[in-house]
Amino acid sequence: MAKDKTGTDKALSKRGAAALPGGAPVSSRSEIAAFLSAARSVVPAAGGSGRLAFALDATMSRQPTWDSACKLQAEMFDAVGKTGALSVQLVYFRGLGECRASRWVSDTRQLADLMTRIDCRGGQTQIGRVLRHVADEATKKPVSALVYIGDAMEEDIDKLAVVAGELALRKVPCFMFHEGHDPAAATGFREIARVTGGAYVRFDQNAAAELAALLRAVATYATGGRPALEKSGGSAARLLLEQLGPGKPAGKQTGGGSTRS
């Protein structure tokens, strides 16, 4: 297992990777502050525990907004870490075939530090490897949810949907946050959200407050499941409950996953 400047992590296998076919806005200071304020209010679900995989596209197309996005994501890790009931794993890809995952940790300060040392490198997306890794992790021990942030999708959506189906069977909803406005990414992210029973939302300058609320709801779901989400209230919780359907766990619904653009 290789170790690079980002610290202790592991390179992911290329098994299950999808075949590859041949400027996002920057959040304002006030929007970042709104995100951080909401993220800090994450509270643990009573008696709950869970595992949340947090995956990032670190390819060069995200470079223009990477510094501000990285700060947001690191602060979110810190807030989620205060729940004390949630284990988090950071997964990221970049460059020519590099795809790595951290250990599962409850002290998310380690992951925040790791993320600040990740820089963007040119290469194509490796969403298939991320989905495969999380599906494999879920066979060892349940994974409550996957949060993914990216701006592009350069893979075969039909192949990605097959792996997404495995995640649905293992009850792992994917919450897909889309930076920018790439139409292929929007289509692919929505489909992954639909298949897994997750949700899709824009990750841009106009959605900072909503993003914060959705991440808080995802953390609540990861620690306490549907009962905790129902008790938490709020529009973000209602959005996630709508796509789960009445009394249905993730991966069992027959309709489309929730989207918000």
C-alpha atoms as a PDB file:
ATOM      1  CA  MET A   1       0.000   0.000   0.000  1.00  0.00           C
ATOM      2  CA  ALA A   2       1.449   3.310  -1.020  1.00  0.00           C
ATOM      3  CA  LYS A   3       1.562   6.344   1.224  1.00  0.00           C
ATOM      4  CA  ASP A   4       1.802   9.823  -0.261  1.00  0.00           C
ATOM      5  CA  LYS A   5       2.016  13.311   1.166  1.00  0.00           C
ATOM      6  CA  THR A   6      -1.634  13.187   2.235  1.00  0.00           C
ATOM      7  CA  GLY A   7      -0.818  10.767   5.049  1.00  0.00           C
ATOM      8  CA  THR A   8      -2.216   7.384   5.994  1.00  0.00           C
ATOM      9  CA  ASP A   9      -4.597   6.110   3.345  1.00  0.00           C
ATOM     10  CA  LYS A  10      -4.938   3.288   0.873  1.00  0.00           C
ATOM     11  CA  ALA A  11      -5.037   3.113  -2.887  1.00  0.00           C
ATOM     12  CA  LEU A  12      -8.254   1.606  -4.213  1.00  0.00           C
ATOM     13  CA  SER A  13      -8.432  -1.282  -6.634  1.00  0.00           C
ATOM     14  CA  LYS A  14      -9.527  -0.579 -10.199  1.00  0.00           C
ATOM     15  CA  ARG A  15     -11.974  -3.513 -10.020  1.00  0.00           C
ATOM     16  CA  GLY A  16     -15.430  -2.367 -10.994  1.00  0.00           C
ATOM     17  CA  ALA A  17     -14.260   0.897 -12.545  1.00  0.00           C
ATOM     18  CA  ALA A  18     -16.487   2.076 -15.376  1.00  0.00           C
ATOM     19  CA  ALA A  19     -15.154   2.416 -18.909  1.00  0.00           C
ATOM     20  CA  LEU A  20     -14.145   5.966 -19.900  1.00  0.00           C
ATOM     21  CA  PRO A  21     -15.309   7.685 -23.103  1.00  0.00           C
ATOM     22  CA  GLY A  22     -13.363  10.306 -24.688  1.00  0.00           C
ATOM     23  CA  GLY A  23     -15.415  27.099 -14.402  1.00  0.00           C
ATOM     24  CA  ALA A  24     -17.680  26.726 -11.419  1.00  0.00           C
ATOM     25  CA  PRO A  25     -18.657  29.782  -9.329  1.00  0.00           C
ATOM     26  CA  VAL A  26     -16.934  30.567  -6.056  1.00  0.00           C
ATOM     27  CA  SER A  27     -19.052  30.890  -2.901  1.00  0.00           C
ATOM     28  CA  SER A  28     -19.065  34.308  -1.286  1.00  0.00           C
ATOM     29  CA  ARG A  29     -17.763  34.865   2.241  1.00  0.00           C
ATOM     30  CA  SER A  30     -21.303  35.279   3.611  1.00  0.00           C
ATOM     31  CA  GLU A  31     -22.452  32.039   1.978  1.00  0.00           C
ATOM     32  CA  ILE A  32     -19.469  30.171   3.396  1.00  0.00           C
ATOM     33  CA  ALA A  33     -20.281  31.602   6.830  1.00  0.00           C
ATOM     34  CA  ALA A  34     -23.888  30.413   6.498  1.00  0.00           C
ATOM     35  CA  PHE A  35     -22.683  26.933   5.615  1.00  0.00           C
ATOM     36  CA  LEU A  36     -20.278  26.766   8.553  1.00  0.00           C
ATOM     37  CA  SER A  37     -22.868  28.085  10.982  1.00  0.00           C
ATOM     38  CA  ALA A  38     -25.363  25.394  10.009  1.00  0.00           C
ATOM     39  CA  ALA A  39     -22.736  22.650   9.877  1.00  0.00           C
ATOM     40  CA  ARG A  40     -21.678  23.413  13.444  1.00  0.00           C
ATOM     41  CA  SER A  41     -25.250  22.747  14.627  1.00  0.00           C
ATOM     42  CA  VAL A  42     -25.056  19.056  13.687  1.00  0.00           C
ATOM     43  CA  VAL A  43     -26.267  17.066  16.685  1.00  0.00           C
ATOM     44  CA  PRO A  44     -26.116  13.308  17.233  1.00  0.00           C
ATOM     45  CA  ALA A  45     -29.280  11.242  16.961  1.00  0.00           C
ATOM     46  CA  ALA A  46     -30.104   9.751  20.366  1.00  0.00           C
ATOM     47  CA  GLY A  47     -28.615   6.298  20.717  1.00  0.00           C
ATOM     48  CA  GLY A  48     -27.516   6.303  17.083  1.00  0.00           C
ATOM     49  CA  SER A  49     -24.312   5.353  15.351  1.00  0.00           C
ATOM     50  CA  GLY A  50     -23.338   5.055  11.734  1.00  0.00           C
ATOM     51  CA  ARG A  51     -20.681   5.178   9.050  1.00  0.00           C
ATOM     52  CA  LEU A  52     -20.584   7.939   6.456  1.00  0.00           C
ATOM     53  CA  ALA A  53     -18.362   7.783   3.350  1.00  0.00           C
ATOM     54  CA  PHE A  54     -17.437  11.253   2.073  1.00  0.00           C
ATOM     55  CA  ALA A  55     -16.057  11.216  -1.471  1.00  0.00           C
ATOM     56  CA  LEU A  56     -14.433  14.015  -3.464  1.00  0.00           C
ATOM     57  CA  ASP A  57     -13.528  14.629  -7.086  1.00  0.00           C
ATOM     58  CA  ALA A  58     -10.059  16.231  -6.881  1.00  0.00           C
ATOM     59  CA  THR A  59      -9.399  16.464 -10.621  1.00  0.00           C
ATOM     60  CA  MET A  60      -8.121  19.679 -12.198  1.00  0.00           C
ATOM     61  CA  SER A  61     -11.535  20.998 -13.274  1.00  0.00           C
ATOM     62  CA  ARG A  62     -12.298  21.724  -9.603  1.00  0.00           C
ATOM     63  CA  GLN A  63      -9.113  23.778  -9.101  1.00  0.00           C
ATOM     64  CA  PRO A  64     -10.764  27.231  -9.504  1.00  0.00           C
ATOM     65  CA  THR A  65     -12.981  26.624  -6.439  1.00  0.00           C
ATOM     66  CA  TRP A  66     -10.887  24.037  -4.604  1.00  0.00           C
ATOM     67  CA  ASP A  67      -9.545  26.261  -1.820  1.00  0.00           C
ATOM     68  CA  SER A  68     -12.954  27.567  -0.766  1.00  0.00           C
ATOM     69  CA  ALA A  69     -14.639  24.177  -1.225  1.00  0.00           C
ATOM     70  CA  CYS A  70     -11.893  22.450   0.755  1.00  0.00           C
ATOM     71  CA  LYS A  71     -12.332  24.871   3.651  1.00  0.00           C
ATOM     72  CA  LEU A  72     -16.085  24.222   3.700  1.00  0.00           C
ATOM     73  CA  GLN A  73     -15.604  20.472   3.568  1.00  0.00           C
ATOM     74  CA  ALA A  74     -12.955  20.487   6.306  1.00  0.00           C
ATOM     75  CA  GLU A  75     -15.167  22.534   8.613  1.00  0.00           C
ATOM     76  CA  MET A  76     -18.060  20.163   7.925  1.00  0.00           C
ATOM     77  CA  PHE A  77     -15.840  17.251   8.970  1.00  0.00           C
ATOM     78  CA  ASP A  78     -15.106  19.045  12.225  1.00  0.00           C
ATOM     79  CA  ALA A  79     -18.802  19.654  12.894  1.00  0.00           C
ATOM     80  CA  VAL A  80     -19.800  16.083  12.088  1.00  0.00           C
ATOM     81  CA  GLY A  81     -16.981  14.829  14.322  1.00  0.00           C
ATOM     82  CA  LYS A  82     -18.628  16.526  17.282  1.00  0.00           C
ATOM     83  CA  THR A  83     -21.596  14.157  17.020  1.00  0.00           C
ATOM     84  CA  GLY A  84     -19.420  11.449  18.568  1.00  0.00           C
ATOM     85  CA  ALA A  85     -21.623   8.770  17.024  1.00  0.00           C
ATOM     86  CA  LEU A  86     -20.481   8.875  13.422  1.00  0.00           C
ATOM     87  CA  SER A  87     -17.454   7.258  11.800  1.00  0.00           C
ATOM     88  CA  VAL A  88     -16.323   8.940   8.584  1.00  0.00           C
ATOM     89  CA  GLN A  89     -14.095   7.801   5.745  1.00  0.00           C
ATOM     90  CA  LEU A  90     -12.651  10.208   3.176  1.00  0.00           C
ATOM     91  CA  VAL A  91     -12.379   8.899  -0.389  1.00  0.00           C
ATOM     92  CA  TYR A  92     -10.912  10.952  -3.232  1.00  0.00           C
ATOM     93  CA  PHE A  93      -9.625  10.534  -6.767  1.00  0.00           C
ATOM     94  CA  ARG A  94      -7.379  12.628  -8.988  1.00  0.00           C
ATOM     95  CA  GLY A  95      -4.651  12.368 -11.619  1.00  0.00           C
ATOM     96  CA  LEU A  96      -3.980   9.320 -13.761  1.00  0.00           C
ATOM     97  CA  GLY A  97      -5.766   6.526 -11.944  1.00  0.00           C
ATOM     98  CA  GLU A  98      -5.114   7.672  -8.370  1.00  0.00           C
ATOM     99  CA  CYS A  99      -8.010   6.812  -6.044  1.00  0.00           C
ATOM    100  CA  ARG A 100      -7.523   6.587  -2.283  1.00  0.00           C
ATOM    101  CA  ALA A 101      -9.478   6.047   0.917  1.00  0.00           C
ATOM    102  CA  SER A 102      -8.626   6.958   4.493  1.00  0.00           C
ATOM    103  CA  ARG A 103      -9.245   4.778   7.513  1.00  0.00           C
ATOM    104  CA  TRP A 104     -12.660   4.979   9.207  1.00  0.00           C
ATOM    105  CA  VAL A 105     -12.305   7.481  12.035  1.00  0.00           C
ATOM    106  CA  SER A 106     -14.546   9.182  14.568  1.00  0.00           C
ATOM    107  CA  ASP A 107     -12.018  11.978  15.161  1.00  0.00           C
ATOM    108  CA  THR A 108     -12.659  13.807  11.915  1.00  0.00           C
ATOM    109  CA  ARG A 109      -9.948  16.381  12.634  1.00  0.00           C
ATOM    110  CA  GLN A 110      -7.580  13.833  11.101  1.00  0.00           C
ATOM    111  CA  LEU A 111      -9.600  13.835   7.893  1.00  0.00           C
ATOM    112  CA  ALA A 112      -9.858  17.618   7.836  1.00  0.00           C
ATOM    113  CA  ASP A 113      -6.065  17.778   8.063  1.00  0.00           C
ATOM    114  CA  LEU A 114      -5.747  15.163   5.322  1.00  0.00           C
ATOM    115  CA  MET A 115      -8.061  17.086   3.023  1.00  0.00           C
ATOM    116  CA  THR A 116      -6.098  20.318   3.374  1.00  0.00           C
ATOM    117  CA  ARG A 117      -3.095  18.492   1.919  1.00  0.00           C
ATOM    118  CA  ILE A 118      -4.896  17.192  -1.169  1.00  0.00           C
ATOM    119  CA  ASP A 119      -4.271  19.193  -4.319  1.00  0.00           C
ATOM    120  CA  CYS A 120      -6.060  18.880  -7.644  1.00  0.00           C
ATOM    121  CA  ARG A 121      -4.412  16.928 -10.470  1.00  0.00           C
ATOM    122  CA  GLY A 122      -5.485  16.469 -14.072  1.00  0.00           C
ATOM    123  CA  GLY A 123      -7.305  13.262 -14.931  1.00  0.00           C
ATOM    124  CA  GLN A 124     -10.699  11.754 -15.637  1.00  0.00           C
ATOM    125  CA  THR A 125     -13.404  10.944 -13.120  1.00  0.00           C
ATOM    126  CA  GLN A 126     -13.311   7.638 -11.236  1.00  0.00           C
ATOM    127  CA  ILE A 127     -16.800   7.537  -9.783  1.00  0.00           C
ATOM    128  CA  GLY A 128     -17.107   3.833 -10.568  1.00  0.00           C
ATOM    129  CA  ARG A 129     -14.168   3.050  -8.293  1.00  0.00           C
ATOM    130  CA  VAL A 130     -15.685   5.146  -5.510  1.00  0.00           C
ATOM    131  CA  LEU A 131     -19.030   3.351  -5.748  1.00  0.00           C
ATOM    132  CA  ARG A 132     -17.332  -0.061  -5.903  1.00  0.00           C
ATOM    133  CA  HIS A 133     -15.209   0.736  -2.860  1.00  0.00           C
ATOM    134  CA  VAL A 134     -18.216   1.823  -0.791  1.00  0.00           C
ATOM    135  CA  ALA A 135     -20.181  -1.265  -1.892  1.00  0.00           C
ATOM    136  CA  ASP A 136     -17.283  -3.480  -0.808  1.00  0.00           C
ATOM    137  CA  GLU A 137     -17.057  -1.648   2.526  1.00  0.00           C
ATOM    138  CA  ALA A 138     -20.775  -2.211   3.054  1.00  0.00           C
ATOM    139  CA  THR A 139     -20.313  -5.983   2.730  1.00  0.00           C
ATOM    140  CA  LYS A 140     -17.922  -5.906   5.708  1.00  0.00           C
ATOM    141  CA  LYS A 141     -19.994  -3.596   7.919  1.00  0.00           C
ATOM    142  CA  PRO A 142     -23.061  -1.458   7.105  1.00  0.00           C
ATOM    143  CA  VAL A 143     -22.426   1.974   5.605  1.00  0.00           C
ATOM    144  CA  SER A 144     -25.189   4.456   6.381  1.00  0.00           C
ATOM    145  CA  ALA A 145     -24.708   6.806   3.429  1.00  0.00           C
ATOM    146  CA  LEU A 146     -22.329   8.137   0.774  1.00  0.00           C
ATOM    147  CA  VAL A 147     -21.866  11.868   0.247  1.00  0.00           C
ATOM    148  CA  TYR A 148     -20.216  12.726  -3.071  1.00  0.00           C
ATOM    149  CA  ILE A 149     -19.068  16.157  -4.296  1.00  0.00           C
ATOM    150  CA  GLY A 150     -17.960  16.597  -7.896  1.00  0.00           C
ATOM    151  CA  ASP A 151     -18.407  18.622 -11.064  1.00  0.00           C
ATOM    152  CA  ALA A 152     -18.124  16.092 -13.904  1.00  0.00           C
ATOM    153  CA  MET A 153     -18.871  12.549 -14.995  1.00  0.00           C
ATOM    154  CA  GLU A 154     -16.763  11.002 -17.773  1.00  0.00           C
ATOM    155  CA  GLU A 155     -17.878   7.384 -17.346  1.00  0.00           C
ATOM    156  CA  ASP A 156     -20.550   5.048 -18.737  1.00  0.00           C
ATOM    157  CA  ILE A 157     -23.710   5.773 -16.712  1.00  0.00           C
ATOM    158  CA  ASP A 158     -25.112   2.298 -17.402  1.00  0.00           C
ATOM    159  CA  LYS A 159     -22.065   0.703 -15.793  1.00  0.00           C
ATOM    160  CA  LEU A 160     -22.225   3.117 -12.882  1.00  0.00           C
ATOM    161  CA  ALA A 161     -25.907   2.289 -12.410  1.00  0.00           C
ATOM    162  CA  VAL A 162     -25.053  -1.400 -11.989  1.00  0.00           C
ATOM    163  CA  VAL A 163     -22.758  -0.627  -9.051  1.00  0.00           C
ATOM    164  CA  ALA A 164     -25.295   1.881  -7.725  1.00  0.00           C
ATOM    165  CA  GLY A 165     -27.794  -0.966  -7.740  1.00  0.00           C
ATOM    166  CA  GLU A 166     -25.494  -2.944  -5.463  1.00  0.00           C
ATOM    167  CA  LEU A 167     -25.410   0.004  -3.090  1.00  0.00           C
ATOM    168  CA  ALA A 168     -29.209   0.128  -3.141  1.00  0.00           C
ATOM    169  CA  LEU A 169     -29.392  -3.554  -2.207  1.00  0.00           C
ATOM    170  CA  ARG A 170     -27.035  -2.840   0.697  1.00  0.00           C
ATOM    171  CA  LYS A 171     -29.190   0.156   1.721  1.00  0.00           C
ATOM    172  CA  VAL A 172     -26.512   2.799   1.066  1.00  0.00           C
ATOM    173  CA  PRO A 173     -28.162   5.985  -0.280  1.00  0.00           C
ATOM    174  CA  CYS A 174     -25.922   8.291  -2.317  1.00  0.00           C
ATOM    175  CA  PHE A 175     -26.247  12.028  -1.750  1.00  0.00           C
ATOM    176  CA  MET A 176     -24.801  13.624  -4.870  1.00  0.00           C
ATOM    177  CA  PHE A 177     -23.667  17.264  -4.646  1.00  0.00           C
ATOM    178  CA  HIS A 178     -23.016  18.789  -8.076  1.00  0.00           C
ATOM    179  CA  GLU A 179     -20.623  21.712  -8.425  1.00  0.00           C
ATOM    180  CA  GLY A 180     -21.050  23.603 -11.680  1.00  0.00           C
ATOM    181  CA  HIS A 181     -23.521  22.986 -14.474  1.00  0.00           C
ATOM    182  CA  ASP A 182     -22.202  20.113 -16.589  1.00  0.00           C
ATOM    183  CA  PRO A 183     -25.302  18.434 -18.101  1.00  0.00           C
ATOM    184  CA  ALA A 184     -23.745  14.951 -18.305  1.00  0.00           C
ATOM    185  CA  ALA A 185     -22.816  15.128 -14.626  1.00  0.00           C
ATOM    186  CA  ALA A 186     -26.312  16.308 -13.705  1.00  0.00           C
ATOM    187  CA  THR A 187     -27.890  13.389 -15.567  1.00  0.00           C
ATOM    188  CA  GLY A 188     -25.502  10.843 -14.089  1.00  0.00           C
ATOM    189  CA  PHE A 189     -25.668  12.167 -10.533  1.00  0.00           C
ATOM    190  CA  ARG A 190     -29.462  12.226 -10.628  1.00  0.00           C
ATOM    191  CA  GLU A 191     -29.533   8.619 -11.831  1.00  0.00           C
ATOM    192  CA  ILE A 192     -27.182   7.436  -9.080  1.00  0.00           C
ATOM    193  CA  ALA A 193     -29.336   9.260  -6.519  1.00  0.00           C
ATOM    194  CA  ARG A 194     -32.495   7.695  -7.984  1.00  0.00           C
ATOM    195  CA  VAL A 195     -31.143   4.151  -8.044  1.00  0.00           C
ATOM    196  CA  THR A 196     -29.797   4.279  -4.488  1.00  0.00           C
ATOM    197  CA  GLY A 197     -32.646   6.261  -2.956  1.00  0.00           C
ATOM    198  CA  GLY A 198     -30.414   9.251  -2.265  1.00  0.00           C
ATOM    199  CA  ALA A 199     -30.719  12.884  -3.298  1.00  0.00           C
ATOM    200  CA  TYR A 200     -29.202  15.327  -5.802  1.00  0.00           C
ATOM    201  CA  VAL A 201     -28.486  19.006  -5.143  1.00  0.00           C
ATOM    202  CA  ARG A 202     -26.420  21.797  -6.673  1.00  0.00           C
ATOM    203  CA  PHE A 203     -23.181  22.671  -4.865  1.00  0.00           C
ATOM    204  CA  ASP A 204     -22.829  26.327  -5.847  1.00  0.00           C
ATOM    205  CA  GLN A 205     -22.929  29.918  -4.657  1.00  0.00           C
ATOM    206  CA  ASN A 206     -26.732  29.984  -4.577  1.00  0.00           C
ATOM    207  CA  ALA A 207     -27.181  26.888  -2.424  1.00  0.00           C
ATOM    208  CA  ALA A 208     -24.824  27.317   0.525  1.00  0.00           C
ATOM    209  CA  ALA A 209     -27.585  27.445   3.162  1.00  0.00           C
ATOM    210  CA  GLU A 210     -29.505  24.551   1.605  1.00  0.00           C
ATOM    211  CA  LEU A 211     -26.301  22.540   1.284  1.00  0.00           C
ATOM    212  CA  ALA A 212     -25.575  23.038   4.977  1.00  0.00           C
ATOM    213  CA  ALA A 213     -29.058  21.896   5.934  1.00  0.00           C
ATOM    214  CA  LEU A 214     -28.853  18.853   3.670  1.00  0.00           C
ATOM    215  CA  LEU A 215     -25.466  17.805   5.049  1.00  0.00           C
ATOM    216  CA  ARG A 216     -26.857  18.147   8.561  1.00  0.00           C
ATOM    217  CA  ALA A 217     -29.821  15.962   7.579  1.00  0.00           C
ATOM    218  CA  VAL A 218     -27.507  13.378   5.996  1.00  0.00           C
ATOM    219  CA  ALA A 219     -25.461  13.236   9.200  1.00  0.00           C
ATOM    220  CA  THR A 220     -28.641  12.770  11.226  1.00  0.00           C
ATOM    221  CA  TYR A 221     -29.740   9.973   8.897  1.00  0.00           C
ATOM    222  CA  ALA A 222     -26.318   8.307   9.110  1.00  0.00           C
ATOM    223  CA  THR A 223     -26.328   8.285  12.908  1.00  0.00           C
ATOM    224  CA  GLY A 224     -29.956   7.461  13.618  1.00  0.00           C
ATOM    225  CA  GLY A 225     -31.669   6.394  10.396  1.00  0.00           C
ATOM    226  CA  ARG A 226     -35.209   7.322   9.438  1.00  0.00           C
ATOM    227  CA  PRO A 227     -36.561   7.723  13.008  1.00  0.00           C
ATOM    228  CA  ALA A 228     -33.904  10.359  13.803  1.00  0.00           C
ATOM    229  CA  LEU A 229     -34.582  12.136  10.501  1.00  0.00           C
ATOM    230  CA  GLU A 230     -38.324  12.253  11.254  1.00  0.00           C
ATOM    231  CA  LYS A 231     -37.681  13.757  14.686  1.00  0.00           C
ATOM    232  CA  SER A 232     -35.226  16.378  13.429  1.00  0.00           C
ATOM    233  CA  GLY A 233     -37.774  18.329  11.355  1.00  0.00           C
ATOM    234  CA  GLY A 234     -36.925  21.047   8.857  1.00  0.00           C
ATOM    235  CA  SER A 235     -37.179  21.320   5.077  1.00  0.00           C
ATOM    236  CA  ALA A 236     -33.991  19.334   4.400  1.00  0.00           C
ATOM    237  CA  ALA A 237     -35.199  16.434   6.534  1.00  0.00           C
ATOM    238  CA  ARG A 238     -38.564  16.521   4.751  1.00  0.00           C
ATOM    239  CA  LEU A 239     -36.780  16.474   1.367  1.00  0.00           C
ATOM    240  CA  LEU A 240     -34.871  13.315   2.280  1.00  0.00           C
ATOM    241  CA  LEU A 241     -37.940  11.680   3.809  1.00  0.00           C
ATOM    242  CA  GLU A 242     -39.944  12.343   0.644  1.00  0.00           C
ATOM    243  CA  GLN A 243     -37.511  10.415  -1.539  1.00  0.00           C
ATOM    244  CA  LEU A 244     -37.295   7.557   0.970  1.00  0.00           C
ATOM    245  CA  GLY A 245     -41.073   7.119   0.762  1.00  0.00           C
ATOM    246  CA  PRO A 246     -43.451   6.245   3.639  1.00  0.00           C
ATOM    247  CA  GLY A 247     -41.693   3.866   5.978  1.00  0.00           C
ATOM    248  CA  LYS A 248     -39.236   2.626   3.343  1.00  0.00           C
ATOM    249  CA  PRO A 249     -35.517   2.240   3.999  1.00  0.00           C
ATOM    250  CA  ALA A 250     -33.065   3.428   1.370  1.00  0.00           C
ATOM    251  CA  GLY A 251     -32.706   1.074  -1.560  1.00  0.00           C
ATOM    252  CA  LYS A 252     -36.345  -0.111  -1.445  1.00  0.00           C
ATOM    253  CA  GLN A 253     -38.221   2.690  -3.164  1.00  0.00           C
ATOM    254  CA  THR A 254     -39.477   2.298  -6.693  1.00  0.00           C
ATOM    255  CA  GLY A 255     -39.727   5.950  -7.636  1.00  0.00           C
ATOM    256  CA  GLY A 256     -37.053   8.470  -8.511  1.00  0.00           C
ATOM    257  CA  GLY A 257     -34.557   9.853  -6.049  1.00  0.00           C
ATOM    258  CA  SER A 258     -35.054  13.417  -4.885  1.00  0.00           C
ATOM    259  CA  THR A 259     -33.513  16.238  -6.872  1.00  0.00           C
ATOM    260  CA  ARG A 260     -33.072  19.921  -6.160  1.00  0.00           C
ATOM    261  CA  SER A 261     -31.557  22.265  -8.722  1.00  0.00           C
END
